[in-house]
Amino acid sequence: MSLYQIQNTLYVMTPQAYAHLENGTVKIDVERQTKLRVPLHHVGGMVCFGNVLISPALLHRLADEGRALVLFDRNGRFKARLEGPVSGNILLRRAQHHAADDDSSCLRLARTMLLGKLRNSRTLLLRGGREAQDQADVETLQRTAANIQSALRALPGAEDLDTLRGIEGESARGYFGAINHVVKPRLRGQFQLDGRTRRPPRDRFNALLSFLYTLLMNDCRSAVESVGLDPQLGFLHAVRPGRAALALDLQEEFRAPLADRLALTLINRGQLTATDFDERDGGAVLLSDEGRRTTVAAWQERKQEEIQHPLLDTKVPIGVLPMLQARILARTLRGDIADYTPFLAR
């Protein structure tokens, strides 16, 4: 049953669930059976995925009391945010713009986001090193993890965004050079990552990563929009027309623990093989239709798995992690908490 209440936000992810109001209590019914009751004054907002029915009385009450209702489709794509006439969005976005315009605030947020990315990348490599059978693989993974640790120590001394981005770029080159050593040796002939190539991807591993990053990007953009942030205005990534810079910022801390780990799982378990990719003229490699279906199914299944959130100290579905982090970022920008804390995988 996909019903969760996290930080006063009620998440409803069960198809055909019916949310309605009864004597000041929000009731969630599935197939005419009540699965959850929550007093309305304990609900700060609702997030509904897919075909969830909501009574008019509950809609009006949420609007009257300034409690937001956010709608996603069943794949997690943001559809709409409904709220009453009094909204904190403009104040939140003003705070976001102020932080982006203030060099010190912008640098502090960008540094913390990059810390999350590097820590999670290092964790993936160390995990791979513990599971590797070949000593050469172990040494490569441990050496690259040590280099990333050195980059982490350099973050506090970075005095501008260009320096931060330089640290990120150097760490990424080492990371993508080492991640091949997490692939099982017998599969490396089919899945050899020859550096990170994107437009277009030049090998099967890159093609898989690019597709997963697209899915992750959609979830991160939906997350920042759901809390009322401007997805175009980021801190680590430069602002460009048509670029969702803040969604890219949020994506960074999730690349290794969500997308990269799933890619390695699909490869190492044989759920994807060379036949699931198409080679195009000019050297481009893309997932086939069947490969995309397999990857999307695995992505959705992965998002339903629960993990212990290190900051909230409660079990949550992986699929709501970007939304939780977007809320933490919004609270930071509003001044409710002093510093943004990225998601750190275990």
C-alpha atoms as a PDB file:
ATOM      1  CA  MET A   1       0.000   0.000   0.000  1.00  0.00           C
ATOM      2  CA  SER A   2       1.552   3.288  -1.113  1.00  0.00           C
ATOM      3  CA  LEU A   3       0.378   5.768   1.512  1.00  0.00           C
ATOM      4  CA  TYR A   4       2.916   7.809   3.455  1.00  0.00           C
ATOM      5  CA  GLN A   5       2.863  10.821   5.715  1.00  0.00           C
ATOM      6  CA  ILE A   6       6.288  12.485   5.840  1.00  0.00           C
ATOM      7  CA  GLN A   7       6.949  15.843   7.526  1.00  0.00           C
ATOM      8  CA  ASN A   8       3.185  16.596   7.570  1.00  0.00           C
ATOM      9  CA  THR A   9       2.881  15.907   3.838  1.00  0.00           C
ATOM     10  CA  LEU A  10       0.535  13.103   2.826  1.00  0.00           C
ATOM     11  CA  TYR A  11       1.722  11.067  -0.185  1.00  0.00           C
ATOM     12  CA  VAL A  12      -0.925   8.974  -1.960  1.00  0.00           C
ATOM     13  CA  MET A  13       0.468   6.616  -4.603  1.00  0.00           C
ATOM     14  CA  THR A  14      -2.148   3.843  -4.697  1.00  0.00           C
ATOM     15  CA  PRO A  15      -4.109   3.676  -8.001  1.00  0.00           C
ATOM     16  CA  GLN A  16      -7.860   4.297  -7.605  1.00  0.00           C
ATOM     17  CA  ALA A  17      -7.444   5.562  -4.035  1.00  0.00           C
ATOM     18  CA  TYR A  18     -10.192   7.963  -2.941  1.00  0.00           C
ATOM     19  CA  ALA A  19      -9.264  10.846  -0.645  1.00  0.00           C
ATOM     20  CA  HIS A  20     -12.158  12.592   1.073  1.00  0.00           C
ATOM     21  CA  LEU A  21     -13.062  14.552   4.167  1.00  0.00           C
ATOM     22  CA  GLU A  22     -15.063  13.247   7.097  1.00  0.00           C
ATOM     23  CA  ASN A  23     -15.569  15.373  10.212  1.00  0.00           C
ATOM     24  CA  GLY A  24     -12.227  17.128   9.942  1.00  0.00           C
ATOM     25  CA  THR A  25     -10.345  13.941   9.080  1.00  0.00           C
ATOM     26  CA  VAL A  26      -8.798  13.019   5.741  1.00  0.00           C
ATOM     27  CA  LYS A  27      -9.758   9.469   4.845  1.00  0.00           C
ATOM     28  CA  ILE A  28      -8.079   7.385   2.134  1.00  0.00           C
ATOM     29  CA  ASP A  29     -10.242   4.566   0.809  1.00  0.00           C
ATOM     30  CA  VAL A  30      -9.125   1.825  -1.570  1.00  0.00           C
ATOM     31  CA  GLU A  31     -11.813  -0.429  -3.025  1.00  0.00           C
ATOM     32  CA  ARG A  32     -14.303   0.964  -0.489  1.00  0.00           C
ATOM     33  CA  GLN A  33     -12.084   0.048   2.470  1.00  0.00           C
ATOM     34  CA  THR A  34     -10.519   2.778   4.627  1.00  0.00           C
ATOM     35  CA  LYS A  35      -6.734   2.423   4.636  1.00  0.00           C
ATOM     36  CA  LEU A  36      -5.717   5.633   6.371  1.00  0.00           C
ATOM     37  CA  ARG A  37      -7.193   8.339   8.590  1.00  0.00           C
ATOM     38  CA  VAL A  38      -5.308  11.566   9.315  1.00  0.00           C
ATOM     39  CA  PRO A  39      -6.699  14.648  11.113  1.00  0.00           C
ATOM     40  CA  LEU A  40      -6.690  17.505   8.616  1.00  0.00           C
ATOM     41  CA  HIS A  41      -4.808  19.780  11.003  1.00  0.00           C
ATOM     42  CA  HIS A  42      -1.895  17.295  10.839  1.00  0.00           C
ATOM     43  CA  VAL A  43      -1.723  17.526   7.042  1.00  0.00           C
ATOM     44  CA  GLY A  44       0.474  20.319   5.722  1.00  0.00           C
ATOM     45  CA  GLY A  45      -0.126  19.302   2.106  1.00  0.00           C
ATOM     46  CA  MET A  46      -0.989  16.386  -0.160  1.00  0.00           C
ATOM     47  CA  VAL A  47       0.935  14.819  -3.031  1.00  0.00           C
ATOM     48  CA  CYS A  48      -1.005  12.427  -5.284  1.00  0.00           C
ATOM     49  CA  PHE A  49       0.409  10.141  -7.968  1.00  0.00           C
ATOM     50  CA  GLY A  50      -1.596   8.823 -10.899  1.00  0.00           C
ATOM     51  CA  ASN A  51      -5.302   8.086 -10.806  1.00  0.00           C
ATOM     52  CA  VAL A  52      -6.183   9.241  -7.283  1.00  0.00           C
ATOM     53  CA  LEU A  53      -9.688  10.579  -6.707  1.00  0.00           C
ATOM     54  CA  ILE A  54     -10.203  13.598  -4.450  1.00  0.00           C
ATOM     55  CA  SER A  55     -13.553  14.798  -3.200  1.00  0.00           C
ATOM     56  CA  PRO A  56     -14.667  18.385  -3.916  1.00  0.00           C
ATOM     57  CA  ALA A  57     -15.116  18.984  -0.191  1.00  0.00           C
ATOM     58  CA  LEU A  58     -11.491  18.064   0.495  1.00  0.00           C
ATOM     59  CA  LEU A  59     -10.281  20.201  -2.417  1.00  0.00           C
ATOM     60  CA  HIS A  60     -12.148  23.248  -1.097  1.00  0.00           C
ATOM     61  CA  ARG A  61     -10.964  22.697   2.478  1.00  0.00           C
ATOM     62  CA  LEU A  62      -7.324  22.363   1.405  1.00  0.00           C
ATOM     63  CA  ALA A  63      -7.628  25.583  -0.588  1.00  0.00           C
ATOM     64  CA  ASP A  64      -9.385  27.439   2.238  1.00  0.00           C
ATOM     65  CA  GLU A  65      -6.679  26.521   4.721  1.00  0.00           C
ATOM     66  CA  GLY A  66      -3.717  27.153   2.417  1.00  0.00           C
ATOM     67  CA  ARG A  67      -2.663  23.498   2.192  1.00  0.00           C
ATOM     68  CA  ALA A  68      -1.172  22.660  -1.201  1.00  0.00           C
ATOM     69  CA  LEU A  69      -2.251  19.736  -3.357  1.00  0.00           C
ATOM     70  CA  VAL A  70       0.380  18.546  -5.845  1.00  0.00           C
ATOM     71  CA  LEU A  71      -0.534  16.206  -8.693  1.00  0.00           C
ATOM     72  CA  PHE A  72       1.863  13.876 -10.521  1.00  0.00           C
ATOM     73  CA  ASP A  73       1.140  11.279 -13.167  1.00  0.00           C
ATOM     74  CA  ARG A  74       1.878   7.641 -12.286  1.00  0.00           C
ATOM     75  CA  ASN A  75       5.429   7.968 -13.632  1.00  0.00           C
ATOM     76  CA  GLY A  76       6.209  10.908 -11.353  1.00  0.00           C
ATOM     77  CA  ARG A  77       5.898  13.700 -13.921  1.00  0.00           C
ATOM     78  CA  PHE A  78       4.696  16.961 -12.392  1.00  0.00           C
ATOM     79  CA  LYS A  79       1.178  17.899 -13.549  1.00  0.00           C
ATOM     80  CA  ALA A  80      -0.128  20.679 -11.339  1.00  0.00           C
ATOM     81  CA  ARG A  81       0.027  22.420  -7.994  1.00  0.00           C
ATOM     82  CA  LEU A  82      -3.290  23.559  -6.580  1.00  0.00           C
ATOM     83  CA  GLU A  83      -3.565  25.979  -3.703  1.00  0.00           C
ATOM     84  CA  GLY A  84      -5.715  28.787  -2.414  1.00  0.00           C
ATOM     85  CA  PRO A  85      -5.280  32.534  -2.905  1.00  0.00           C
ATOM     86  CA  VAL A  86      -2.700  32.867  -0.121  1.00  0.00           C
ATOM     87  CA  SER A  87       0.530  31.314  -1.333  1.00  0.00           C
ATOM     88  CA  GLY A  88       4.083  31.377  -0.083  1.00  0.00           C
ATOM     89  CA  ASN A  89       5.467  30.680  -3.547  1.00  0.00           C
ATOM     90  CA  ILE A  90       6.339  34.287  -4.379  1.00  0.00           C
ATOM     91  CA  LEU A  91       8.131  34.716  -1.052  1.00  0.00           C
ATOM     92  CA  LEU A  92       9.999  31.449  -1.552  1.00  0.00           C
ATOM     93  CA  ARG A  93      11.035  32.395  -5.071  1.00  0.00           C
ATOM     94  CA  ARG A  94      12.161  35.825  -3.914  1.00  0.00           C
ATOM     95  CA  ALA A  95      14.324  34.086  -1.323  1.00  0.00           C
ATOM     96  CA  GLN A  96      15.652  31.782  -4.048  1.00  0.00           C
ATOM     97  CA  HIS A  97      16.557  34.727  -6.291  1.00  0.00           C
ATOM     98  CA  HIS A  98      18.159  36.577  -3.376  1.00  0.00           C
ATOM     99  CA  ALA A  99      20.321  33.525  -2.552  1.00  0.00           C
ATOM    100  CA  ALA A 100      21.324  33.115  -6.204  1.00  0.00           C
ATOM    101  CA  ASP A 101      22.316  36.803  -6.416  1.00  0.00           C
ATOM    102  CA  ASP A 102      24.320  36.704  -3.193  1.00  0.00           C
ATOM    103  CA  ASP A 103      27.772  35.295  -3.944  1.00  0.00           C
ATOM    104  CA  SER A 104      28.299  33.898  -0.453  1.00  0.00           C
ATOM    105  CA  SER A 105      24.903  32.149  -0.255  1.00  0.00           C
ATOM    106  CA  CYS A 106      25.169  30.811  -3.783  1.00  0.00           C
ATOM    107  CA  LEU A 107      28.646  29.423  -3.177  1.00  0.00           C
ATOM    108  CA  ARG A 108      27.616  27.821   0.113  1.00  0.00           C
ATOM    109  CA  LEU A 109      24.650  26.021  -1.479  1.00  0.00           C
ATOM    110  CA  ALA A 110      26.649  24.937  -4.526  1.00  0.00           C
ATOM    111  CA  ARG A 111      29.440  23.611  -2.311  1.00  0.00           C
ATOM    112  CA  THR A 112      26.980  21.555  -0.237  1.00  0.00           C
ATOM    113  CA  MET A 113      25.284  20.120  -3.316  1.00  0.00           C
ATOM    114  CA  LEU A 114      28.645  19.116  -4.752  1.00  0.00           C
ATOM    115  CA  LEU A 115      29.607  17.569  -1.432  1.00  0.00           C
ATOM    116  CA  GLY A 116      26.548  15.325  -1.722  1.00  0.00           C
ATOM    117  CA  LYS A 117      27.497  14.275  -5.229  1.00  0.00           C
ATOM    118  CA  LEU A 118      31.117  13.478  -4.360  1.00  0.00           C
ATOM    119  CA  ARG A 119      30.251  11.628  -1.154  1.00  0.00           C
ATOM    120  CA  ASN A 120      27.723   9.450  -2.950  1.00  0.00           C
ATOM    121  CA  SER A 121      30.103   8.773  -5.853  1.00  0.00           C
ATOM    122  CA  ARG A 122      32.801   7.718  -3.405  1.00  0.00           C
ATOM    123  CA  THR A 123      30.358   5.436  -1.573  1.00  0.00           C
ATOM    124  CA  LEU A 124      29.470   3.644  -4.821  1.00  0.00           C
ATOM    125  CA  LEU A 125      33.126   3.044  -5.690  1.00  0.00           C
ATOM    126  CA  LEU A 126      33.945   1.776  -2.201  1.00  0.00           C
ATOM    127  CA  ARG A 127      30.984  -0.594  -2.344  1.00  0.00           C
ATOM    128  CA  GLY A 128      32.205  -1.843  -5.711  1.00  0.00           C
ATOM    129  CA  GLY A 129      35.685  -2.327  -4.272  1.00  0.00           C
ATOM    130  CA  ARG A 130      34.333  -4.481  -1.445  1.00  0.00           C
ATOM    131  CA  GLU A 131      32.474  -6.705  -3.912  1.00  0.00           C
ATOM    132  CA  ALA A 132      35.222  -6.949  -6.567  1.00  0.00           C
ATOM    133  CA  GLN A 133      37.047 -10.273  -6.960  1.00  0.00           C
ATOM    134  CA  ASP A 134      40.075  -9.036  -8.896  1.00  0.00           C
ATOM    135  CA  GLN A 135      42.789  -7.253  -6.911  1.00  0.00           C
ATOM    136  CA  ALA A 136      43.485  -4.825  -9.765  1.00  0.00           C
ATOM    137  CA  ASP A 137      39.824  -3.774  -9.718  1.00  0.00           C
ATOM    138  CA  VAL A 138      39.935  -3.320  -5.954  1.00  0.00           C
ATOM    139  CA  GLU A 139      43.030  -1.130  -6.164  1.00  0.00           C
ATOM    140  CA  THR A 140      41.620   1.052  -8.945  1.00  0.00           C
ATOM    141  CA  LEU A 141      38.340   1.611  -7.137  1.00  0.00           C
ATOM    142  CA  GLN A 142      40.017   2.357  -3.824  1.00  0.00           C
ATOM    143  CA  ARG A 143      42.518   4.711  -5.437  1.00  0.00           C
ATOM    144  CA  THR A 144      39.765   6.667  -7.208  1.00  0.00           C
ATOM    145  CA  ALA A 145      37.712   6.808  -3.994  1.00  0.00           C
ATOM    146  CA  ALA A 146      40.777   8.246  -2.246  1.00  0.00           C
ATOM    147  CA  ASN A 147      41.111  10.888  -4.970  1.00  0.00           C
ATOM    148  CA  ILE A 148      37.473  11.862  -4.470  1.00  0.00           C
ATOM    149  CA  GLN A 149      38.112  12.102  -0.743  1.00  0.00           C
ATOM    150  CA  SER A 150      40.918  14.559  -1.530  1.00  0.00           C
ATOM    151  CA  ALA A 151      38.461  16.554  -3.652  1.00  0.00           C
ATOM    152  CA  LEU A 152      36.056  16.623  -0.711  1.00  0.00           C
ATOM    153  CA  ARG A 153      38.784  18.077   1.491  1.00  0.00           C
ATOM    154  CA  ALA A 154      39.387  20.762  -1.143  1.00  0.00           C
ATOM    155  CA  LEU A 155      35.747  21.936  -1.202  1.00  0.00           C
ATOM    156  CA  PRO A 156      35.899  24.267   1.831  1.00  0.00           C
ATOM    157  CA  GLY A 157      38.789  26.156   0.267  1.00  0.00           C
ATOM    158  CA  ALA A 158      37.006  26.805  -3.041  1.00  0.00           C
ATOM    159  CA  GLU A 159      36.391  30.547  -3.174  1.00  0.00           C
ATOM    160  CA  ASP A 160      34.270  30.744  -6.331  1.00  0.00           C
ATOM    161  CA  LEU A 161      31.955  28.660  -8.522  1.00  0.00           C
ATOM    162  CA  ASP A 162      34.565  28.152 -11.224  1.00  0.00           C
ATOM    163  CA  THR A 163      36.855  26.468  -8.709  1.00  0.00           C
ATOM    164  CA  LEU A 164      34.005  24.260  -7.504  1.00  0.00           C
ATOM    165  CA  ARG A 165      33.150  23.265 -11.054  1.00  0.00           C
ATOM    166  CA  GLY A 166      36.805  22.461 -11.697  1.00  0.00           C
ATOM    167  CA  ILE A 167      36.847  20.124  -8.694  1.00  0.00           C
ATOM    168  CA  GLU A 168      33.635  18.516  -9.926  1.00  0.00           C
ATOM    169  CA  GLY A 169      34.957  18.018 -13.458  1.00  0.00           C
ATOM    170  CA  GLU A 170      38.225  16.420 -12.324  1.00  0.00           C
ATOM    171  CA  SER A 171      36.405  14.105  -9.906  1.00  0.00           C
ATOM    172  CA  ALA A 172      33.879  13.108 -12.576  1.00  0.00           C
ATOM    173  CA  ARG A 173      36.639  12.123 -15.012  1.00  0.00           C
ATOM    174  CA  GLY A 174      38.195   9.861 -12.414  1.00  0.00           C
ATOM    175  CA  TYR A 175      34.840   8.430 -11.366  1.00  0.00           C
ATOM    176  CA  PHE A 176      33.717   7.530 -14.887  1.00  0.00           C
ATOM    177  CA  GLY A 177      37.139   6.084 -15.576  1.00  0.00           C
ATOM    178  CA  ALA A 178      36.836   3.761 -12.575  1.00  0.00           C
ATOM    179  CA  ILE A 179      33.193   2.723 -12.785  1.00  0.00           C
ATOM    180  CA  ASN A 180      34.038   0.139 -15.471  1.00  0.00           C
ATOM    181  CA  HIS A 181      35.704  -1.837 -12.689  1.00  0.00           C
ATOM    182  CA  VAL A 182      32.332  -2.340 -10.978  1.00  0.00           C
ATOM    183  CA  VAL A 183      30.998  -4.157 -14.056  1.00  0.00           C
ATOM    184  CA  LYS A 184      31.522  -7.922 -13.933  1.00  0.00           C
ATOM    185  CA  PRO A 185      34.645  -8.818 -15.961  1.00  0.00           C
ATOM    186  CA  ARG A 186      32.781 -11.145 -18.337  1.00  0.00           C
ATOM    187  CA  LEU A 187      30.418  -8.301 -19.315  1.00  0.00           C
ATOM    188  CA  ARG A 188      32.971  -5.564 -19.904  1.00  0.00           C
ATOM    189  CA  GLY A 189      33.327  -6.391 -23.573  1.00  0.00           C
ATOM    190  CA  GLN A 190      29.659  -5.459 -24.063  1.00  0.00           C
ATOM    191  CA  PHE A 191      29.541  -2.596 -21.542  1.00  0.00           C
ATOM    192  CA  GLN A 192      32.756  -0.603 -21.640  1.00  0.00           C
ATOM    193  CA  LEU A 193      32.417   3.031 -20.628  1.00  0.00           C
ATOM    194  CA  ASP A 194      34.888   4.989 -22.739  1.00  0.00           C
ATOM    195  CA  GLY A 195      34.631   8.251 -20.807  1.00  0.00           C
ATOM    196  CA  ARG A 196      31.347  10.096 -20.430  1.00  0.00           C
ATOM    197  CA  THR A 197      29.743  10.873 -23.810  1.00  0.00           C
ATOM    198  CA  ARG A 198      26.254  12.332 -24.056  1.00  0.00           C
ATOM    199  CA  ARG A 199      25.210  13.975 -27.307  1.00  0.00           C
ATOM    200  CA  PRO A 200      25.101  11.335 -28.607  1.00  0.00           C
ATOM    201  CA  PRO A 201      26.229   8.512 -26.305  1.00  0.00           C
ATOM    202  CA  ARG A 202      28.956   6.463 -27.998  1.00  0.00           C
ATOM    203  CA  ASP A 203      28.670   3.159 -26.143  1.00  0.00           C
ATOM    204  CA  ARG A 204      26.018   1.039 -24.431  1.00  0.00           C
ATOM    205  CA  PHE A 205      26.956   2.049 -20.897  1.00  0.00           C
ATOM    206  CA  ASN A 206      26.733   5.732 -21.804  1.00  0.00           C
ATOM    207  CA  ALA A 207      23.410   5.159 -23.556  1.00  0.00           C
ATOM    208  CA  LEU A 208      21.983   3.550 -20.423  1.00  0.00           C
ATOM    209  CA  LEU A 209      23.308   6.283 -18.138  1.00  0.00           C
ATOM    210  CA  SER A 210      21.926   9.031 -20.384  1.00  0.00           C
ATOM    211  CA  PHE A 211      18.469   7.464 -20.363  1.00  0.00           C
ATOM    212  CA  LEU A 212      18.466   6.999 -16.586  1.00  0.00           C
ATOM    213  CA  TYR A 213      19.681  10.567 -16.067  1.00  0.00           C
ATOM    214  CA  THR A 214      16.746  11.755 -18.177  1.00  0.00           C
ATOM    215  CA  LEU A 215      14.322   9.871 -15.925  1.00  0.00           C
ATOM    216  CA  LEU A 216      16.049  11.247 -12.837  1.00  0.00           C
ATOM    217  CA  MET A 217      16.018  14.769 -14.230  1.00  0.00           C
ATOM    218  CA  ASN A 218      12.262  14.566 -14.737  1.00  0.00           C
ATOM    219  CA  ASP A 219      11.786  13.512 -11.123  1.00  0.00           C
ATOM    220  CA  CYS A 220      14.026  16.305  -9.849  1.00  0.00           C
ATOM    221  CA  ARG A 221      12.283  18.954 -11.910  1.00  0.00           C
ATOM    222  CA  SER A 222       8.920  17.695 -10.683  1.00  0.00           C
ATOM    223  CA  ALA A 223      10.238  17.865  -7.122  1.00  0.00           C
ATOM    224  CA  VAL A 224      11.390  21.489  -7.249  1.00  0.00           C
ATOM    225  CA  GLU A 225       8.183  22.567  -8.992  1.00  0.00           C
ATOM    226  CA  SER A 226       6.068  20.737  -6.421  1.00  0.00           C
ATOM    227  CA  VAL A 227       7.396  22.879  -3.569  1.00  0.00           C
ATOM    228  CA  GLY A 228       7.122  26.129  -5.520  1.00  0.00           C
ATOM    229  CA  LEU A 229      10.777  26.685  -6.455  1.00  0.00           C
ATOM    230  CA  ASP A 230      11.831  28.053  -9.846  1.00  0.00           C
ATOM    231  CA  PRO A 231      13.469  25.130 -11.702  1.00  0.00           C
ATOM    232  CA  GLN A 232      15.355  27.510 -14.018  1.00  0.00           C
ATOM    233  CA  LEU A 233      17.367  29.271 -11.309  1.00  0.00           C
ATOM    234  CA  GLY A 234      20.183  27.157  -9.883  1.00  0.00           C
ATOM    235  CA  PHE A 235      23.283  27.621  -7.768  1.00  0.00           C
ATOM    236  CA  LEU A 236      25.868  25.107  -8.972  1.00  0.00           C
ATOM    237  CA  HIS A 237      24.795  25.048 -12.624  1.00  0.00           C
ATOM    238  CA  ALA A 238      24.941  28.210 -14.699  1.00  0.00           C
ATOM    239  CA  VAL A 239      21.650  29.811 -15.706  1.00  0.00           C
ATOM    240  CA  ARG A 240      20.870  29.485 -19.426  1.00  0.00           C
ATOM    241  CA  PRO A 241      17.629  29.938 -21.393  1.00  0.00           C
ATOM    242  CA  GLY A 242      15.608  26.745 -21.376  1.00  0.00           C
ATOM    243  CA  ARG A 243      17.872  25.026 -18.862  1.00  0.00           C
ATOM    244  CA  ALA A 244      16.388  23.744 -15.610  1.00  0.00           C
ATOM    245  CA  ALA A 245      19.488  24.646 -13.598  1.00  0.00           C
ATOM    246  CA  LEU A 246      18.008  24.027 -10.145  1.00  0.00           C
ATOM    247  CA  ALA A 247      16.711  20.602 -11.182  1.00  0.00           C
ATOM    248  CA  LEU A 248      20.227  19.813 -12.426  1.00  0.00           C
ATOM    249  CA  ASP A 249      21.597  20.949  -9.054  1.00  0.00           C
ATOM    250  CA  LEU A 250      19.245  18.638  -7.178  1.00  0.00           C
ATOM    251  CA  GLN A 251      19.993  15.782  -9.561  1.00  0.00           C
ATOM    252  CA  GLU A 252      23.690  15.733  -8.699  1.00  0.00           C
ATOM    253  CA  GLU A 253      23.378  14.095  -5.292  1.00  0.00           C
ATOM    254  CA  PHE A 254      21.171  11.334  -6.741  1.00  0.00           C
ATOM    255  CA  ARG A 255      23.216  10.354  -9.813  1.00  0.00           C
ATOM    256  CA  ALA A 256      25.386   7.716  -8.137  1.00  0.00           C
ATOM    257  CA  PRO A 257      22.950   6.173  -5.608  1.00  0.00           C
ATOM    258  CA  LEU A 258      19.907   6.079  -7.890  1.00  0.00           C
ATOM    259  CA  ALA A 259      20.863   6.124 -11.586  1.00  0.00           C
ATOM    260  CA  ASP A 260      24.404   4.722 -11.606  1.00  0.00           C
ATOM    261  CA  ARG A 261      23.664   1.916  -9.153  1.00  0.00           C
ATOM    262  CA  LEU A 262      20.599   0.890 -11.131  1.00  0.00           C
ATOM    263  CA  ALA A 263      22.608   0.897 -14.370  1.00  0.00           C
ATOM    264  CA  LEU A 264      25.207  -1.396 -12.803  1.00  0.00           C
ATOM    265  CA  THR A 265      22.477  -3.677 -11.442  1.00  0.00           C
ATOM    266  CA  LEU A 266      20.798  -3.996 -14.842  1.00  0.00           C
ATOM    267  CA  ILE A 267      24.135  -4.816 -16.471  1.00  0.00           C
ATOM    268  CA  ASN A 268      25.555  -7.162 -13.853  1.00  0.00           C
ATOM    269  CA  ARG A 269      22.333  -9.145 -13.464  1.00  0.00           C
ATOM    270  CA  GLY A 270      21.959  -9.559 -17.199  1.00  0.00           C
ATOM    271  CA  GLN A 271      18.637  -7.722 -17.314  1.00  0.00           C
ATOM    272  CA  LEU A 272      20.043  -5.732 -20.232  1.00  0.00           C
ATOM    273  CA  THR A 273      22.268  -7.234 -22.919  1.00  0.00           C
ATOM    274  CA  ALA A 274      23.854  -6.000 -26.136  1.00  0.00           C
ATOM    275  CA  THR A 275      20.642  -6.851 -28.008  1.00  0.00           C
ATOM    276  CA  ASP A 276      18.796  -4.133 -26.041  1.00  0.00           C
ATOM    277  CA  PHE A 277      20.765  -1.381 -27.790  1.00  0.00           C
ATOM    278  CA  ASP A 278      20.758  -0.004 -31.321  1.00  0.00           C
ATOM    279  CA  GLU A 279      23.803   1.399 -33.070  1.00  0.00           C
ATOM    280  CA  ARG A 280      23.049   4.341 -35.367  1.00  0.00           C
ATOM    281  CA  ASP A 281      24.936   5.951 -38.213  1.00  0.00           C
ATOM    282  CA  GLY A 282      27.690   8.238 -36.976  1.00  0.00           C
ATOM    283  CA  GLY A 283      28.516   6.079 -33.954  1.00  0.00           C
ATOM    284  CA  ALA A 284      25.541   6.885 -31.727  1.00  0.00           C
ATOM    285  CA  VAL A 285      24.286   4.098 -29.449  1.00  0.00           C
ATOM    286  CA  LEU A 286      20.764   4.180 -28.015  1.00  0.00           C
ATOM    287  CA  LEU A 287      18.524   1.880 -26.037  1.00  0.00           C
ATOM    288  CA  SER A 288      16.085  -0.095 -28.167  1.00  0.00           C
ATOM    289  CA  ASP A 289      12.345   0.044 -27.508  1.00  0.00           C
ATOM    290  CA  GLU A 290      12.576  -3.174 -25.512  1.00  0.00           C
ATOM    291  CA  GLY A 291      15.607  -1.858 -23.645  1.00  0.00           C
ATOM    292  CA  ARG A 292      13.736   1.299 -22.681  1.00  0.00           C
ATOM    293  CA  ARG A 293      10.762  -0.725 -21.454  1.00  0.00           C
ATOM    294  CA  THR A 294      13.024  -2.892 -19.301  1.00  0.00           C
ATOM    295  CA  THR A 295      14.816   0.150 -17.885  1.00  0.00           C
ATOM    296  CA  VAL A 296      11.645   2.111 -17.122  1.00  0.00           C
ATOM    297  CA  ALA A 297      10.107  -0.911 -15.385  1.00  0.00           C
ATOM    298  CA  ALA A 298      13.229  -1.342 -13.257  1.00  0.00           C
ATOM    299  CA  TRP A 299      13.280   2.394 -12.487  1.00  0.00           C
ATOM    300  CA  GLN A 300       9.695   2.367 -11.293  1.00  0.00           C
ATOM    301  CA  GLU A 301      10.286  -0.735  -9.185  1.00  0.00           C
ATOM    302  CA  ARG A 302      13.370   0.822  -7.657  1.00  0.00           C
ATOM    303  CA  LYS A 303      11.404   3.944  -6.718  1.00  0.00           C
ATOM    304  CA  GLN A 304       8.946   1.828  -4.739  1.00  0.00           C
ATOM    305  CA  GLU A 305      11.688   0.353  -2.542  1.00  0.00           C
ATOM    306  CA  GLU A 306      12.008   1.824   0.936  1.00  0.00           C
ATOM    307  CA  ILE A 307      15.188   3.047   2.576  1.00  0.00           C
ATOM    308  CA  GLN A 308      16.001   4.675   5.889  1.00  0.00           C
ATOM    309  CA  HIS A 309      16.381   8.393   5.289  1.00  0.00           C
ATOM    310  CA  PRO A 310      19.564   9.432   7.134  1.00  0.00           C
ATOM    311  CA  LEU A 311      18.267  12.877   8.074  1.00  0.00           C
ATOM    312  CA  LEU A 312      14.602  12.178   8.817  1.00  0.00           C
ATOM    313  CA  ASP A 313      15.383   8.841  10.508  1.00  0.00           C
ATOM    314  CA  THR A 314      12.327   7.189   8.972  1.00  0.00           C
ATOM    315  CA  LYS A 315      11.696   4.754   6.132  1.00  0.00           C
ATOM    316  CA  VAL A 316      10.626   6.386   2.872  1.00  0.00           C
ATOM    317  CA  PRO A 317      10.150   5.178  -0.716  1.00  0.00           C
ATOM    318  CA  ILE A 318      13.136   6.000  -2.908  1.00  0.00           C
ATOM    319  CA  GLY A 319      10.789   7.741  -5.339  1.00  0.00           C
ATOM    320  CA  VAL A 320      10.004  10.541  -2.879  1.00  0.00           C
ATOM    321  CA  LEU A 321      13.641  11.343  -2.050  1.00  0.00           C
ATOM    322  CA  PRO A 322      13.905  14.213  -4.577  1.00  0.00           C
ATOM    323  CA  MET A 323      10.723  15.768  -3.169  1.00  0.00           C
ATOM    324  CA  LEU A 324      11.999  15.501   0.385  1.00  0.00           C
ATOM    325  CA  GLN A 325      15.290  17.140  -0.600  1.00  0.00           C
ATOM    326  CA  ALA A 326      13.442  19.880  -2.479  1.00  0.00           C
ATOM    327  CA  ARG A 327      11.480  20.586   0.696  1.00  0.00           C
ATOM    328  CA  ILE A 328      14.678  20.741   2.737  1.00  0.00           C
ATOM    329  CA  LEU A 329      16.117  23.161   0.176  1.00  0.00           C
ATOM    330  CA  ALA A 330      12.978  25.315   0.334  1.00  0.00           C
ATOM    331  CA  ARG A 331      13.159  25.431   4.139  1.00  0.00           C
ATOM    332  CA  THR A 332      16.817  26.467   3.879  1.00  0.00           C
ATOM    333  CA  LEU A 333      16.019  29.298   1.473  1.00  0.00           C
ATOM    334  CA  ARG A 334      13.187  30.520   3.698  1.00  0.00           C
ATOM    335  CA  GLY A 335      15.544  30.555   6.675  1.00  0.00           C
ATOM    336  CA  ASP A 336      13.679  27.837   8.597  1.00  0.00           C
ATOM    337  CA  ILE A 337      16.918  25.854   8.856  1.00  0.00           C
ATOM    338  CA  ALA A 338      20.481  27.164   8.704  1.00  0.00           C
ATOM    339  CA  ASP A 339      22.071  24.950   6.055  1.00  0.00           C
ATOM    340  CA  TYR A 340      20.995  22.615   3.294  1.00  0.00           C
ATOM    341  CA  THR A 341      21.804  18.957   3.968  1.00  0.00           C
ATOM    342  CA  PRO A 342      22.136  16.766   0.858  1.00  0.00           C
ATOM    343  CA  PHE A 343      20.992  13.153   0.686  1.00  0.00           C
ATOM    344  CA  LEU A 344      23.914  10.895   1.567  1.00  0.00           C
ATOM    345  CA  ALA A 345      23.577   7.238   0.606  1.00  0.00           C
ATOM    346  CA  ARG A 346      24.761   4.507   2.917  1.00  0.00           C
END
